[in-house]
Amino acid sequence: MMKIPVLGVVENMSWLKCPDCNKKISLFGGEIAEDSEVEAAFGGVKLLARIPLDPALAALCDRGNIEDMQNDSLAALADTLSKEL
């Protein structure tokens, strides 16, 4: 309705990094990640990123300082978006 093109899908809170062993933990099971790719493909858009649940990111957002976040997932998303635009 607004005629704004959709660049893609970003899966938020997709996974969690274990603070003890650094293992990647899927919070909602593997099916959710696969469903996001299917949904992205069905909508004709790409899956741009999977952003982990990260307490540090939440704290920075609450303070209005998200730009201070050092996160590989966010950096990869920024790179992807800069190529898409």
PDB file of N, CA and C in Angstrom:
ATOM      1  N   MET A   1       0.812  -1.192   0.000  1.00  0.00           N
ATOM      2  CA  MET A   1       0.000   0.000   0.000  1.00  0.00           C
ATOM      3  C   MET A   1       0.859   1.261   0.000  1.00  0.00           C
ATOM      4  N   MET A   2       2.000   1.192   0.672  1.00  0.00           N
ATOM      5  CA  MET A   2       2.859   2.373   0.756  1.00  0.00           C
ATOM      6  C   MET A   2       3.868   2.412  -0.375  1.00  0.00           C
ATOM      7  N   LYS A   3       3.930   1.367  -1.157  1.00  0.00           N
ATOM      8  CA  LYS A   3       4.823   1.293  -2.316  1.00  0.00           C
ATOM      9  C   LYS A   3       6.292   1.475  -1.932  1.00  0.00           C
ATOM     10  N   ILE A   4       6.666   0.901  -0.780  1.00  0.00           N
ATOM     11  CA  ILE A   4       8.050   0.923  -0.316  1.00  0.00           C
ATOM     12  C   ILE A   4       8.633  -0.467  -0.559  1.00  0.00           C
ATOM     13  N   PRO A   5       9.709  -0.569  -1.328  1.00  0.00           N
ATOM     14  CA  PRO A   5      10.259  -1.896  -1.602  1.00  0.00           C
ATOM     15  C   PRO A   5      10.850  -2.534  -0.341  1.00  0.00           C
ATOM     16  N   VAL A   6      10.638  -3.828  -0.222  1.00  0.00           N
ATOM     17  CA  VAL A   6      11.194  -4.592   0.893  1.00  0.00           C
ATOM     18  C   VAL A   6      12.519  -5.190   0.436  1.00  0.00           C
ATOM     19  N   LEU A   7      13.592  -4.860   1.157  1.00  0.00           N
ATOM     20  CA  LEU A   7      14.914  -5.362   0.787  1.00  0.00           C
ATOM     21  C   LEU A   7      15.120  -6.799   1.212  1.00  0.00           C
ATOM     22  N   GLY A   8      14.539  -7.175   2.336  1.00  0.00           N
ATOM     23  CA  GLY A   8      14.727  -8.532   2.821  1.00  0.00           C
ATOM     24  C   GLY A   8      14.196  -8.709   4.225  1.00  0.00           C
ATOM     25  N   VAL A   9      14.498  -9.881   4.765  1.00  0.00           N
ATOM     26  CA  VAL A   9      14.035 -10.273   6.088  1.00  0.00           C
ATOM     27  C   VAL A   9      15.232 -10.337   7.032  1.00  0.00           C
ATOM     28  N   VAL A  10      15.058  -9.809   8.237  1.00  0.00           N
ATOM     29  CA  VAL A  10      16.056  -9.939   9.301  1.00  0.00           C
ATOM     30  C   VAL A  10      15.410 -10.741  10.415  1.00  0.00           C
ATOM     31  N   GLU A  11      15.995 -11.878  10.729  1.00  0.00           N
ATOM     32  CA  GLU A  11      15.475 -12.735  11.791  1.00  0.00           C
ATOM     33  C   GLU A  11      16.094 -12.280  13.117  1.00  0.00           C
ATOM     34  N   ASN A  12      15.280 -11.654  13.962  1.00  0.00           N
ATOM     35  CA  ASN A  12      15.751 -11.133  15.240  1.00  0.00           C
ATOM     36  C   ASN A  12      15.615 -12.203  16.325  1.00  0.00           C
ATOM     37  N   MET A  13      16.499 -12.174  17.301  1.00  0.00           N
ATOM     38  CA  MET A  13      16.532 -13.144  18.402  1.00  0.00           C
ATOM     39  C   MET A  13      16.584 -14.580  17.862  1.00  0.00           C
ATOM     40  N   SER A  14      17.352 -14.771  16.832  1.00  0.00           N
ATOM     41  CA  SER A  14      17.428 -16.042  16.132  1.00  0.00           C
ATOM     42  C   SER A  14      18.169 -17.116  16.920  1.00  0.00           C
ATOM     43  N   TRP A  15      19.193 -16.702  17.644  1.00  0.00           N
ATOM     44  CA  TRP A  15      20.019 -17.656  18.377  1.00  0.00           C
ATOM     45  C   TRP A  15      20.675 -16.955  19.556  1.00  0.00           C
ATOM     46  N   LEU A  16      21.343 -17.743  20.381  1.00  0.00           N
ATOM     47  CA  LEU A  16      22.005 -17.234  21.578  1.00  0.00           C
ATOM     48  C   LEU A  16      23.368 -17.892  21.678  1.00  0.00           C
ATOM     49  N   LYS A  17      24.387 -17.108  21.988  1.00  0.00           N
ATOM     50  CA  LYS A  17      25.733 -17.644  22.177  1.00  0.00           C
ATOM     51  C   LYS A  17      25.902 -18.005  23.648  1.00  0.00           C
ATOM     52  N   CYS A  18      26.228 -19.259  23.927  1.00  0.00           N
ATOM     53  CA  CYS A  18      26.423 -19.707  25.297  1.00  0.00           C
ATOM     54  C   CYS A  18      27.612 -18.955  25.895  1.00  0.00           C
ATOM     55  N   PRO A  19      27.418 -18.300  27.058  1.00  0.00           N
ATOM     56  CA  PRO A  19      28.512 -17.544  27.651  1.00  0.00           C
ATOM     57  C   PRO A  19      29.640 -18.422  28.194  1.00  0.00           C
ATOM     58  N   ASP A  20      29.364 -19.717  28.388  1.00  0.00           N
ATOM     59  CA  ASP A  20      30.373 -20.615  28.939  1.00  0.00           C
ATOM     60  C   ASP A  20      31.210 -21.313  27.863  1.00  0.00           C
ATOM     61  N   CYS A  21      30.542 -21.826  26.835  1.00  0.00           N
ATOM     62  CA  CYS A  21      31.265 -22.616  25.831  1.00  0.00           C
ATOM     63  C   CYS A  21      31.269 -21.974  24.441  1.00  0.00           C
ATOM     64  N   ASN A  22      30.572 -20.831  24.276  1.00  0.00           N
ATOM     65  CA  ASN A  22      30.453 -20.120  22.992  1.00  0.00           C
ATOM     66  C   ASN A  22      29.677 -20.888  21.935  1.00  0.00           C
ATOM     67  N   LYS A  23      28.971 -21.938  22.333  1.00  0.00           N
ATOM     68  CA  LYS A  23      28.160 -22.703  21.384  1.00  0.00           C
ATOM     69  C   LYS A  23      26.958 -21.868  20.954  1.00  0.00           C
ATOM     70  N   LYS A  24      26.588 -21.986  19.683  1.00  0.00           N
ATOM     71  CA  LYS A  24      25.426 -21.303  19.132  1.00  0.00           C
ATOM     72  C   LYS A  24      24.185 -22.131  19.452  1.00  0.00           C
ATOM     73  N   ILE A  25      23.235 -21.541  20.165  1.00  0.00           N
ATOM     74  CA  ILE A  25      22.030 -22.246  20.587  1.00  0.00           C
ATOM     75  C   ILE A  25      20.835 -21.645  19.847  1.00  0.00           C
ATOM     76  N   SER A  26      20.110 -22.481  19.110  1.00  0.00           N
ATOM     77  CA  SER A  26      18.882 -22.033  18.446  1.00  0.00           C
ATOM     78  C   SER A  26      17.789 -21.952  19.503  1.00  0.00           C
ATOM     79  N   LEU A  27      17.238 -20.786  19.692  1.00  0.00           N
ATOM     80  CA  LEU A  27      16.252 -20.587  20.747  1.00  0.00           C
ATOM     81  C   LEU A  27      14.908 -21.227  20.450  1.00  0.00           C
ATOM     82  N   PHE A  28      14.524 -21.250  19.207  1.00  0.00           N
ATOM     83  CA  PHE A  28      13.205 -21.735  18.845  1.00  0.00           C
ATOM     84  C   PHE A  28      13.272 -22.996  17.994  1.00  0.00           C
ATOM     85  N   GLY A  29      14.397 -23.675  18.010  1.00  0.00           N
ATOM     86  CA  GLY A  29      14.550 -24.886  17.216  1.00  0.00           C
ATOM     87  C   GLY A  29      15.002 -24.574  15.808  1.00  0.00           C
ATOM     88  N   GLY A  30      15.544 -25.557  15.140  1.00  0.00           N
ATOM     89  CA  GLY A  30      16.052 -25.379  13.781  1.00  0.00           C
ATOM     90  C   GLY A  30      14.986 -25.042  12.770  1.00  0.00           C
ATOM     91  N   GLU A  31      13.737 -25.438  13.053  1.00  0.00           N
ATOM     92  CA  GLU A  31      12.670 -25.208  12.089  1.00  0.00           C
ATOM     93  C   GLU A  31      12.422 -23.725  11.840  1.00  0.00           C
ATOM     94  N   ILE A  32      12.598 -22.905  12.851  1.00  0.00           N
ATOM     95  CA  ILE A  32      12.329 -21.481  12.690  1.00  0.00           C
ATOM     96  C   ILE A  32      13.292 -20.859  11.678  1.00  0.00           C
ATOM     97  N   ALA A  33      14.563 -21.203  11.785  1.00  0.00           N
ATOM     98  CA  ALA A  33      15.552 -20.656  10.850  1.00  0.00           C
ATOM     99  C   ALA A  33      15.213 -21.067   9.419  1.00  0.00           C
ATOM    100  N   GLU A  34      14.858 -22.337   9.255  1.00  0.00           N
ATOM    101  CA  GLU A  34      14.511 -22.796   7.911  1.00  0.00           C
ATOM    102  C   GLU A  34      13.240 -22.111   7.432  1.00  0.00           C
ATOM    103  N   ASP A  35      12.263 -21.931   8.322  1.00  0.00           N
ATOM    104  CA  ASP A  35      11.026 -21.265   7.945  1.00  0.00           C
ATOM    105  C   ASP A  35      11.281 -19.835   7.501  1.00  0.00           C
ATOM    106  N   SER A  36      12.239 -19.153   8.131  1.00  0.00           N
ATOM    107  CA  SER A  36      12.551 -17.779   7.733  1.00  0.00           C
ATOM    108  C   SER A  36      13.069 -17.735   6.309  1.00  0.00           C
ATOM    109  N   GLU A  37      13.920 -18.683   5.961  1.00  0.00           N
ATOM    110  CA  GLU A  37      14.432 -18.720   4.590  1.00  0.00           C
ATOM    111  C   GLU A  37      13.307 -18.998   3.606  1.00  0.00           C
ATOM    112  N   VAL A  38      12.421 -19.915   3.973  1.00  0.00           N
ATOM    113  CA  VAL A  38      11.289 -20.226   3.101  1.00  0.00           C
ATOM    114  C   VAL A  38      10.390 -19.004   2.972  1.00  0.00           C
ATOM    115  N   GLU A  39      10.113 -18.340   4.091  1.00  0.00           N
ATOM    116  CA  GLU A  39       9.274 -17.148   4.059  1.00  0.00           C
ATOM    117  C   GLU A  39       9.911 -16.056   3.219  1.00  0.00           C
ATOM    118  N   ALA A  40      11.208 -15.873   3.378  1.00  0.00           N
ATOM    119  CA  ALA A  40      11.913 -14.862   2.587  1.00  0.00           C
ATOM    120  C   ALA A  40      11.826 -15.197   1.109  1.00  0.00           C
ATOM    121  N   ALA A  41      12.052 -16.453   0.767  1.00  0.00           N
ATOM    122  CA  ALA A  41      11.974 -16.858  -0.635  1.00  0.00           C
ATOM    123  C   ALA A  41      10.552 -16.711  -1.167  1.00  0.00           C
ATOM    124  N   PHE A  42       9.577 -17.071  -0.357  1.00  0.00           N
ATOM    125  CA  PHE A  42       8.178 -16.970  -0.772  1.00  0.00           C
ATOM    126  C   PHE A  42       7.779 -15.519  -1.015  1.00  0.00           C
ATOM    127  N   GLY A  43       8.295 -14.625  -0.203  1.00  0.00           N
ATOM    128  CA  GLY A  43       7.969 -13.211  -0.371  1.00  0.00           C
ATOM    129  C   GLY A  43       8.783 -12.540  -1.451  1.00  0.00           C
ATOM    130  N   GLY A  44       9.672 -13.285  -2.060  1.00  0.00           N
ATOM    131  CA  GLY A  44      10.490 -12.709  -3.115  1.00  0.00           C
ATOM    132  C   GLY A  44      11.622 -11.845  -2.602  1.00  0.00           C
ATOM    133  N   VAL A  45      11.957 -11.991  -1.326  1.00  0.00           N
ATOM    134  CA  VAL A  45      13.042 -11.222  -0.736  1.00  0.00           C
ATOM    135  C   VAL A  45      14.027 -12.177  -0.069  1.00  0.00           C
ATOM    136  N   LYS A  46      15.227 -11.670   0.201  1.00  0.00           N
ATOM    137  CA  LYS A  46      16.285 -12.494   0.782  1.00  0.00           C
ATOM    138  C   LYS A  46      16.229 -12.473   2.304  1.00  0.00           C
ATOM    139  N   LEU A  47      16.798 -13.512   2.890  1.00  0.00           N
ATOM    140  CA  LEU A  47      17.074 -13.496   4.318  1.00  0.00           C
ATOM    141  C   LEU A  47      18.392 -12.752   4.468  1.00  0.00           C
ATOM    142  N   LEU A  48      18.353 -11.547   5.029  1.00  0.00           N
ATOM    143  CA  LEU A  48      19.533 -10.693   5.104  1.00  0.00           C
ATOM    144  C   LEU A  48      20.433 -11.026   6.282  1.00  0.00           C
ATOM    145  N   ALA A  49      19.838 -11.423   7.400  1.00  0.00           N
ATOM    146  CA  ALA A  49      20.657 -11.684   8.585  1.00  0.00           C
ATOM    147  C   ALA A  49      19.857 -12.425   9.640  1.00  0.00           C
ATOM    148  N   ARG A  50      20.591 -13.085  10.494  1.00  0.00           N
ATOM    149  CA  ARG A  50      20.046 -13.690  11.711  1.00  0.00           C
ATOM    150  C   ARG A  50      20.758 -13.022  12.876  1.00  0.00           C
ATOM    151  N   ILE A  51      20.031 -12.225  13.631  1.00  0.00           N
ATOM    152  CA  ILE A  51      20.607 -11.462  14.735  1.00  0.00           C
ATOM    153  C   ILE A  51      20.411 -12.253  16.029  1.00  0.00           C
ATOM    154  N   PRO A  52      21.485 -12.469  16.785  1.00  0.00           N
ATOM    155  CA  PRO A  52      21.349 -13.236  18.026  1.00  0.00           C
ATOM    156  C   PRO A  52      20.696 -12.420  19.138  1.00  0.00           C
ATOM    157  N   LEU A  53      20.139 -13.125  20.090  1.00  0.00           N
ATOM    158  CA  LEU A  53      19.690 -12.504  21.328  1.00  0.00           C
ATOM    159  C   LEU A  53      20.946 -12.198  22.130  1.00  0.00           C
ATOM    160  N   ASP A  54      21.157 -10.937  22.447  1.00  0.00           N
ATOM    161  CA  ASP A  54      22.390 -10.528  23.118  1.00  0.00           C
ATOM    162  C   ASP A  54      22.045  -9.484  24.178  1.00  0.00           C
ATOM    163  N   PRO A  55      22.220  -9.819  25.464  1.00  0.00           N
ATOM    164  CA  PRO A  55      21.902  -8.862  26.518  1.00  0.00           C
ATOM    165  C   PRO A  55      22.661  -7.541  26.375  1.00  0.00           C
ATOM    166  N   ALA A  56      23.869  -7.570  25.865  1.00  0.00           N
ATOM    167  CA  ALA A  56      24.647  -6.338  25.682  1.00  0.00           C
ATOM    168  C   ALA A  56      23.976  -5.438  24.646  1.00  0.00           C
ATOM    169  N   LEU A  57      23.446  -6.018  23.582  1.00  0.00           N
ATOM    170  CA  LEU A  57      22.743  -5.241  22.558  1.00  0.00           C
ATOM    171  C   LEU A  57      21.486  -4.613  23.144  1.00  0.00           C
ATOM    172  N   ALA A  58      20.747  -5.382  23.926  1.00  0.00           N
ATOM    173  CA  ALA A  58      19.528  -4.850  24.552  1.00  0.00           C
ATOM    174  C   ALA A  58      19.859  -3.672  25.463  1.00  0.00           C
ATOM    175  N   ALA A  59      20.923  -3.788  26.246  1.00  0.00           N
ATOM    176  CA  ALA A  59      21.319  -2.715  27.164  1.00  0.00           C
ATOM    177  C   ALA A  59      21.705  -1.458  26.389  1.00  0.00           C
ATOM    178  N   LEU A  60      22.456  -1.618  25.300  1.00  0.00           N
ATOM    179  CA  LEU A  60      22.843  -0.460  24.493  1.00  0.00           C
ATOM    180  C   LEU A  60      21.629   0.197  23.832  1.00  0.00           C
ATOM    181  N   CYS A  61      20.691  -0.606  23.365  1.00  0.00           N
ATOM    182  CA  CYS A  61      19.468  -0.057  22.761  1.00  0.00           C
ATOM    183  C   CYS A  61      18.689   0.743  23.795  1.00  0.00           C
ATOM    184  N   ASP A  62      18.583   0.200  25.008  1.00  0.00           N
ATOM    185  CA  ASP A  62      17.855   0.893  26.068  1.00  0.00           C
ATOM    186  C   ASP A  62      18.480   2.246  26.390  1.00  0.00           C
ATOM    187  N   ARG A  63      19.794   2.329  26.268  1.00  0.00           N
ATOM    188  CA  ARG A  63      20.507   3.583  26.553  1.00  0.00           C
ATOM    189  C   ARG A  63      20.586   4.499  25.326  1.00  0.00           C
ATOM    190  N   GLY A  64      20.119   4.011  24.160  1.00  0.00           N
ATOM    191  CA  GLY A  64      20.195   4.808  22.946  1.00  0.00           C
ATOM    192  C   GLY A  64      21.578   4.833  22.323  1.00  0.00           C
ATOM    193  N   ASN A  65      22.372   3.794  22.595  1.00  0.00           N
ATOM    194  CA  ASN A  65      23.755   3.744  22.113  1.00  0.00           C
ATOM    195  C   ASN A  65      24.029   2.499  21.265  1.00  0.00           C
ATOM    196  N   ILE A  66      23.089   2.117  20.425  1.00  0.00           N
ATOM    197  CA  ILE A  66      23.264   0.894  19.633  1.00  0.00           C
ATOM    198  C   ILE A  66      24.509   0.965  18.750  1.00  0.00           C
ATOM    199  N   GLU A  67      24.902   2.171  18.343  1.00  0.00           N
ATOM    200  CA  GLU A  67      26.079   2.305  17.486  1.00  0.00           C
ATOM    201  C   GLU A  67      27.367   1.862  18.168  1.00  0.00           C
ATOM    202  N   ASP A  68      27.345   1.709  19.481  1.00  0.00           N
ATOM    203  CA  ASP A  68      28.530   1.252  20.217  1.00  0.00           C
ATOM    204  C   ASP A  68      28.672  -0.267  20.229  1.00  0.00           C
ATOM    205  N   MET A  69      27.698  -0.977  19.687  1.00  0.00           N
ATOM    206  CA  MET A  69      27.709  -2.442  19.728  1.00  0.00           C
ATOM    207  C   MET A  69      28.755  -3.002  18.775  1.00  0.00           C
ATOM    208  N   GLN A  70      29.556  -3.897  19.281  1.00  0.00           N
ATOM    209  CA  GLN A  70      30.528  -4.632  18.475  1.00  0.00           C
ATOM    210  C   GLN A  70      29.983  -6.050  18.303  1.00  0.00           C
ATOM    211  N   ASN A  71      29.374  -6.313  17.155  1.00  0.00           N
ATOM    212  CA  ASN A  71      28.682  -7.579  16.929  1.00  0.00           C
ATOM    213  C   ASN A  71      28.868  -7.982  15.471  1.00  0.00           C
ATOM    214  N   ASP A  72      29.384  -9.179  15.258  1.00  0.00           N
ATOM    215  CA  ASP A  72      29.632  -9.654  13.892  1.00  0.00           C
ATOM    216  C   ASP A  72      28.355  -9.733  13.065  1.00  0.00           C
ATOM    217  N   SER A  73      27.252 -10.123  13.689  1.00  0.00           N
ATOM    218  CA  SER A  73      25.987 -10.248  12.959  1.00  0.00           C
ATOM    219  C   SER A  73      25.503  -8.895  12.470  1.00  0.00           C
ATOM    220  N   LEU A  74      25.620  -7.883  13.319  1.00  0.00           N
ATOM    221  CA  LEU A  74      25.197  -6.543  12.906  1.00  0.00           C
ATOM    222  C   LEU A  74      26.121  -5.962  11.842  1.00  0.00           C
ATOM    223  N   ALA A  75      27.409  -6.225  11.972  1.00  0.00           N
ATOM    224  CA  ALA A  75      28.366  -5.745  10.972  1.00  0.00           C
ATOM    225  C   ALA A  75      28.083  -6.399   9.611  1.00  0.00           C
ATOM    226  N   ALA A  76      27.784  -7.691   9.627  1.00  0.00           N
ATOM    227  CA  ALA A  76      27.472  -8.395   8.377  1.00  0.00           C
ATOM    228  C   ALA A  76      26.185  -7.850   7.766  1.00  0.00           C
ATOM    229  N   LEU A  77      25.197  -7.544   8.603  1.00  0.00           N
ATOM    230  CA  LEU A  77      23.951  -6.971   8.104  1.00  0.00           C
ATOM    231  C   LEU A  77      24.205  -5.594   7.488  1.00  0.00           C
ATOM    232  N   ALA A  78      25.004  -4.776   8.151  1.00  0.00           N
ATOM    233  CA  ALA A  78      25.330  -3.447   7.613  1.00  0.00           C
ATOM    234  C   ALA A  78      26.028  -3.570   6.262  1.00  0.00           C
ATOM    235  N   ASP A  79      26.944  -4.517   6.131  1.00  0.00           N
ATOM    236  CA  ASP A  79      27.628  -4.730   4.858  1.00  0.00           C
ATOM    237  C   ASP A  79      26.640  -5.155   3.779  1.00  0.00           C
ATOM    238  N   THR A  80      25.753  -6.080   4.127  1.00  0.00           N
ATOM    239  CA  THR A  80      24.756  -6.558   3.171  1.00  0.00           C
ATOM    240  C   THR A  80      23.851  -5.423   2.718  1.00  0.00           C
ATOM    241  N   LEU A  81      23.393  -4.620   3.677  1.00  0.00           N
ATOM    242  CA  LEU A  81      22.503  -3.511   3.321  1.00  0.00           C
ATOM    243  C   LEU A  81      23.204  -2.473   2.461  1.00  0.00           C
ATOM    244  N   SER A  82      24.471  -2.212   2.736  1.00  0.00           N
ATOM    245  CA  SER A  82      25.184  -1.228   1.917  1.00  0.00           C
ATOM    246  C   SER A  82      25.320  -1.708   0.472  1.00  0.00           C
ATOM    247  N   LYS A  83      25.391  -3.005   0.265  1.00  0.00           N
ATOM    248  CA  LYS A  83      25.475  -3.551  -1.098  1.00  0.00           C
ATOM    249  C   LYS A  83      24.113  -3.530  -1.781  1.00  0.00           C
ATOM    250  N   GLU A  84      23.028  -3.673  -0.977  1.00  0.00           N
ATOM    251  CA  GLU A  84      21.685  -3.729  -1.525  1.00  0.00           C
ATOM    252  C   GLU A  84      21.180  -2.349  -1.937  1.00  0.00           C
ATOM    253  N   LEU A  85      21.677  -1.316  -1.281  1.00  0.00           N
ATOM    254  CA  LEU A  85      21.144   0.030  -1.541  1.00  0.00           C
ATOM    255  C   LEU A  85      21.813   0.651  -2.694  1.00  0.00           C
TER     256      LEU A  85
END
